[in-house]
Protein backbone atom coordinates (compact mmCIF):
# COMPACT_ATOMS: atom_id res chain seq x y z
CA MET A 1 13.23 -12.62 -0.43
CA SER A 2 16.69 -13.80 -1.44
CA ALA A 3 19.41 -14.46 1.15
CA SER A 4 21.57 -11.74 -0.32
CA SER A 5 18.91 -9.04 0.12
CA ALA A 6 18.32 -10.21 3.70
CA GLN A 7 22.05 -9.86 4.38
CA VAL A 8 22.13 -6.35 2.91
CA LYS A 9 19.22 -5.33 5.11
CA ALA A 10 20.69 -6.87 8.18
CA SER A 11 24.08 -5.25 7.55
CA GLY A 12 22.65 -1.74 7.67
CA ALA A 13 24.02 -0.95 4.20
CA ALA A 14 20.96 1.12 3.58
CA PRO A 15 18.77 3.22 6.02
CA LEU A 16 16.17 1.04 7.66
CA LEU A 17 12.69 2.30 8.72
CA SER A 18 10.53 1.45 11.73
CA ILE A 19 6.84 0.58 11.40
CA GLY A 20 6.02 4.13 12.43
CA GLN A 21 8.23 5.65 9.74
CA VAL A 22 6.72 3.30 7.12
CA LEU A 23 3.26 4.38 8.11
CA ALA A 24 4.27 8.06 8.00
CA ARG A 25 5.46 7.56 4.39
CA LEU A 26 2.58 5.43 3.09
CA THR A 27 -0.59 6.48 4.89
CA PRO A 28 -1.00 9.77 3.06
CA ASP A 29 -1.73 7.69 -0.07
CA PHE A 30 -3.01 4.51 1.66
CA PRO A 31 -4.95 5.70 4.78
CA GLU A 32 -6.27 2.21 5.43
CA LEU A 33 -2.73 1.02 6.26
CA THR A 34 -2.28 0.23 10.00
CA PRO A 35 0.44 -1.53 12.05
CA SER A 36 -1.83 -4.61 12.27
CA LYS A 37 -2.16 -4.70 8.49
CA LEU A 38 1.60 -4.39 8.08
CA ARG A 39 2.03 -7.38 10.37
CA PHE A 40 -0.69 -9.29 8.54
CA LEU A 41 1.06 -8.76 5.20
CA GLU A 42 4.25 -10.08 6.79
CA GLU A 43 2.42 -13.08 8.14
CA GLN A 44 1.17 -13.79 4.62
CA GLY A 45 4.76 -13.81 3.30
CA LEU A 46 4.28 -10.75 1.08
CA VAL A 47 6.96 -8.65 2.73
CA SER A 48 9.90 -9.76 4.97
CA PRO A 49 11.34 -6.90 7.03
CA ALA A 50 14.59 -7.33 8.86
CA ARG A 51 14.62 -7.73 12.65
CA THR A 52 16.75 -6.04 15.24
CA GLY A 53 18.32 -8.05 18.06
CA SER A 54 15.34 -6.96 20.17
CA GLY A 55 12.90 -8.26 17.59
CA TYR A 56 11.78 -4.96 16.15
CA ARG A 57 10.84 -4.86 12.52
CA LYS A 58 12.98 -2.72 10.20
CA PHE A 59 12.00 -1.96 6.56
CA CYS A 60 14.38 -1.15 3.76
CA ALA A 61 13.63 0.94 0.64
CA GLY A 62 12.84 -2.24 -1.26
CA ASP A 63 10.26 -3.22 1.39
CA LEU A 64 8.67 0.20 1.05
CA ASP A 65 8.36 -0.16 -2.73
CA ARG A 66 6.99 -3.65 -2.35
CA LEU A 67 4.37 -2.47 0.11
CA ARG A 68 3.41 0.38 -2.20
CA LEU A 69 2.96 -2.12 -5.03
CA ILE A 70 0.82 -4.46 -2.88
CA LEU A 71 -1.41 -1.68 -1.59
CA SER A 72 -1.82 -0.18 -5.07
CA MET A 73 -2.82 -3.54 -6.50
CA GLN A 74 -5.39 -3.94 -3.79
CA ARG A 75 -6.76 -0.38 -4.12
CA ASP A 76 -6.65 0.05 -7.89
CA HIS A 77 -7.37 -3.54 -9.03
CA TYR A 78 -9.22 -5.05 -6.04
CA LEU A 79 -6.92 -8.05 -6.21
CA PRO A 80 -6.96 -10.64 -3.43
CA LEU A 81 -3.70 -11.45 -1.68
CA LYS A 82 -3.34 -14.89 -3.29
CA VAL A 83 -3.21 -13.24 -6.74
CA ILE A 84 -0.84 -10.57 -5.54
CA ARG A 85 1.38 -13.18 -3.93
CA SER A 86 1.56 -15.13 -7.21
CA TYR A 87 2.40 -11.94 -9.06
CA LEU A 88 5.20 -11.06 -6.65
CA GLU A 89 6.62 -14.58 -6.80
CA ASP A 90 6.85 -14.27 -10.57
CA LEU A 91 8.55 -10.85 -10.18
CA ASP A 92 11.04 -12.34 -7.70
CA ALA A 93 11.75 -15.12 -10.16
CA GLY A 94 12.72 -12.56 -12.79
CA LEU A 95 9.61 -12.95 -14.92
CA SER A 96 7.37 -10.25 -16.34
CA PRO A 97 3.85 -11.21 -15.15
CA THR A 98 0.64 -9.47 -16.06
CA LEU A 99 -2.31 -8.85 -13.84
CA PRO A 100 -5.65 -10.56 -14.36
CA GLY A 101 -7.22 -9.20 -17.55
CA GLY A 102 -3.86 -8.46 -19.07
CA ALA A 103 -3.25 -5.25 -17.08
CA THR A 104 0.22 -4.27 -16.01
CA PRO A 105 1.01 -2.12 -12.99
CA GLY A 106 1.31 1.53 -13.88
CA PRO A 107 4.17 3.83 -12.97
CA SER A 108 2.44 4.90 -9.76
CA MET A 109 2.64 1.31 -8.52
CA LEU A 110 6.30 0.65 -9.27
CA SER A 111 7.76 4.03 -8.27
CA THR A 112 7.39 6.52 -5.49
CA VAL A 113 3.74 7.56 -5.15
CA ARG A 114 3.24 11.13 -6.19
CA ARG A 115 1.64 13.73 -3.94
CA LEU A 116 0.08 16.66 -5.88
CA THR A 117 -0.99 20.03 -4.57
CA ARG A 118 -4.32 21.27 -5.78
CA ASP A 119 -2.72 23.51 -8.42
CA GLU A 120 -0.57 20.60 -9.67
CA LEU A 121 -3.68 18.36 -9.77
CA LEU A 122 -5.64 20.86 -11.84
CA ARG A 123 -2.82 21.44 -14.24
CA GLU A 124 -2.17 17.76 -14.85
CA ALA A 125 -5.81 16.90 -15.16
CA GLY A 126 -6.59 19.86 -17.46
CA ALA A 127 -9.41 20.78 -15.10
CA SER A 128 -10.80 24.10 -14.04
CA LEU A 129 -11.05 25.23 -10.44
CA THR A 130 -14.80 25.34 -10.84
CA LEU A 131 -14.88 21.67 -11.84
CA MET A 132 -12.78 20.79 -8.82
CA HIS A 133 -15.13 22.70 -6.50
CA ASP A 134 -18.11 21.02 -8.09
CA ALA A 135 -16.50 17.62 -7.58
CA VAL A 136 -15.83 18.37 -3.93
CA SER A 137 -19.38 19.68 -3.52
CA ALA A 138 -20.74 16.41 -5.00
CA SER A 139 -18.48 14.37 -2.68
CA ILE A 140 -16.78 12.82 -5.70
CA ILE A 141 -13.48 14.16 -4.44
CA LEU A 142 -12.63 14.86 -0.83
CA PRO A 143 -10.63 18.04 -0.07
CA ALA A 144 -7.06 17.50 1.09
CA GLU A 145 -3.73 19.24 1.27
CA TYR A 146 -2.20 16.76 -1.18
CA TYR A 147 -3.78 14.38 -3.71
CA GLY A 148 -2.59 11.09 -5.07
CA GLU A 149 -2.70 9.46 -8.54
CA ASN A 150 -6.14 8.00 -7.85
CA VAL A 151 -7.68 11.51 -7.48
CA LEU A 152 -5.83 12.58 -10.62
CA HIS A 153 -7.49 9.75 -12.59
CA VAL A 154 -10.90 10.71 -11.17
CA LEU A 155 -10.49 14.37 -12.08
CA ARG A 156 -9.34 13.51 -15.62
CA ALA A 157 -12.44 11.33 -15.97
CA LEU A 158 -14.59 14.24 -14.79
CA VAL A 159 -13.02 16.49 -17.43
CA GLU A 160 -13.92 14.00 -20.15
CA LEU A 161 -17.45 13.54 -18.77
CA GLN A 162 -17.97 17.28 -18.73
CA ARG A 163 -17.27 17.37 -22.46
CA SER A 164 -20.23 15.03 -22.85
CA GLY A 165 -22.43 17.21 -20.77
CA ILE A 166 -22.15 15.19 -17.57
CA GLU A 167 -21.35 17.37 -14.57
CA PRO A 168 -20.26 16.34 -11.05
CA ARG A 169 -23.70 17.18 -9.73
CA HIS A 170 -25.14 14.48 -11.99
CA LEU A 171 -22.94 11.93 -10.17
CA ARG A 172 -24.09 12.56 -6.60
CA GLY A 173 -25.84 9.17 -6.68
CA PHE A 174 -22.42 7.54 -7.04
CA ARG A 175 -21.46 8.54 -3.52
CA ALA A 176 -24.77 7.17 -2.18
CA ALA A 177 -24.28 3.92 -4.09
CA ALA A 178 -20.74 3.62 -2.73
CA GLU A 179 -22.11 4.02 0.81
CA ARG A 180 -24.67 1.30 0.17
CA GLU A 181 -21.90 -1.04 -1.01
CA LEU A 182 -19.93 -0.17 2.08
CA GLY A 183 -22.89 -1.15 4.15
CA LEU A 184 -22.99 -4.55 2.42
CA ILE A 185 -19.28 -5.03 3.10
CA GLU A 186 -19.56 -4.07 6.75
CA SER A 187 -22.46 -6.49 7.23
CA ALA A 188 -20.43 -9.34 5.71
CA LEU A 189 -17.51 -8.50 8.03
CA VAL A 190 -19.54 -8.41 11.30
CA PRO A 191 -18.19 -11.85 12.54
CA LEU A 192 -14.58 -10.72 12.15
CA ALA A 193 -15.33 -7.20 13.35
CA ARG A 194 -16.57 -8.59 16.69
CA ARG A 195 -13.09 -9.93 17.36
CA LYS A 196 -10.67 -7.44 18.85
CA ASP A 197 -7.30 -9.01 18.00
CA ALA A 198 -5.03 -7.35 15.41
CA SER A 199 -4.99 -10.39 13.12
CA SER A 200 -8.77 -10.43 12.80
CA ARG A 201 -8.81 -6.70 12.00
CA ALA A 202 -6.20 -7.19 9.27
CA LYS A 203 -8.12 -10.13 7.79
CA ALA A 204 -11.28 -8.03 7.82
CA ALA A 205 -9.44 -5.35 5.83
CA GLU A 206 -8.26 -7.93 3.31
CA MET A 207 -11.79 -9.45 2.99
CA ALA A 208 -13.18 -5.97 2.43
CA VAL A 209 -10.95 -5.46 -0.56
CA GLU A 210 -11.92 -8.85 -1.99
CA ILE A 211 -15.63 -8.24 -1.56
CA ALA A 212 -15.30 -4.77 -3.14
CA GLY A 213 -13.61 -6.40 -6.11
CA GLN A 214 -16.51 -8.90 -6.57
CA LEU A 215 -19.04 -6.04 -6.32
CA GLU A 216 -17.04 -4.21 -8.98
CA VAL A 217 -17.25 -7.25 -11.27
CA ILE A 218 -21.04 -7.32 -10.96
CA ARG A 219 -21.41 -3.59 -11.40
CA SER A 220 -19.26 -3.59 -14.59
CA SER A 221 -21.26 -6.56 -15.97
CA LEU A 222 -24.59 -4.76 -15.37
CA ILE A 223 -23.32 -1.66 -17.12
CA ARG A 224 -22.03 -3.63 -20.11
CA SER A 225 -25.40 -5.43 -20.38
CA ALA A 226 -27.22 -2.09 -20.29
CA LEU A 227 -24.93 -0.68 -22.97
CA GLY A 228 -25.72 -3.63 -25.15
CA ARG A 229 -29.38 -2.67 -25.13
CA LEU A 230 -28.48 0.75 -26.45
CA GLY A 231 -27.34 -0.79 -29.70
């Protein structure tokens, strides 16, 4: 962070948020976010909140956007922190970096995360209420008061799959497969999980994202190989 932005934050030129206020704004879309993870991201140099005279962290609007970007890159691209850090450093230097594979962050990363009601979700996805109910019944989508961009992408995919004759009920195995992968991740994290300090919990959360990303690479490769046999 530049010295000028730090001075602006410290001067109180813009409203500053406590950790609790940051969590209240971000956890609806990033439920895995905890105070310990916020502190861990700060320890890793990815975000630099201001401090009060008593040492309390205070986050500005820019910090909130930066956290939203970091969390979106983890959730949507399974990127490890070292890759995210390099990307942010390029952004701070005024460059226009791309993510691994040539992807660029979508609007949901760089702007305020949207929260959609069920009716808004159905309208934007072009989905029927029946399809939504079927997706919830198949545990592809979890019911909620508001839905984020990720659920919108899932529902749009279900709309397209339905046109090919693939219904949510045909995807029930996906939830079971996801649970099996979760079991693998939890097993790998047992050594860290046994530690009770906040830093270890935050590191475990970061490792979980990285392991999930590696599993995604293998899954995608297996599917591409299987598709090759269809030709």
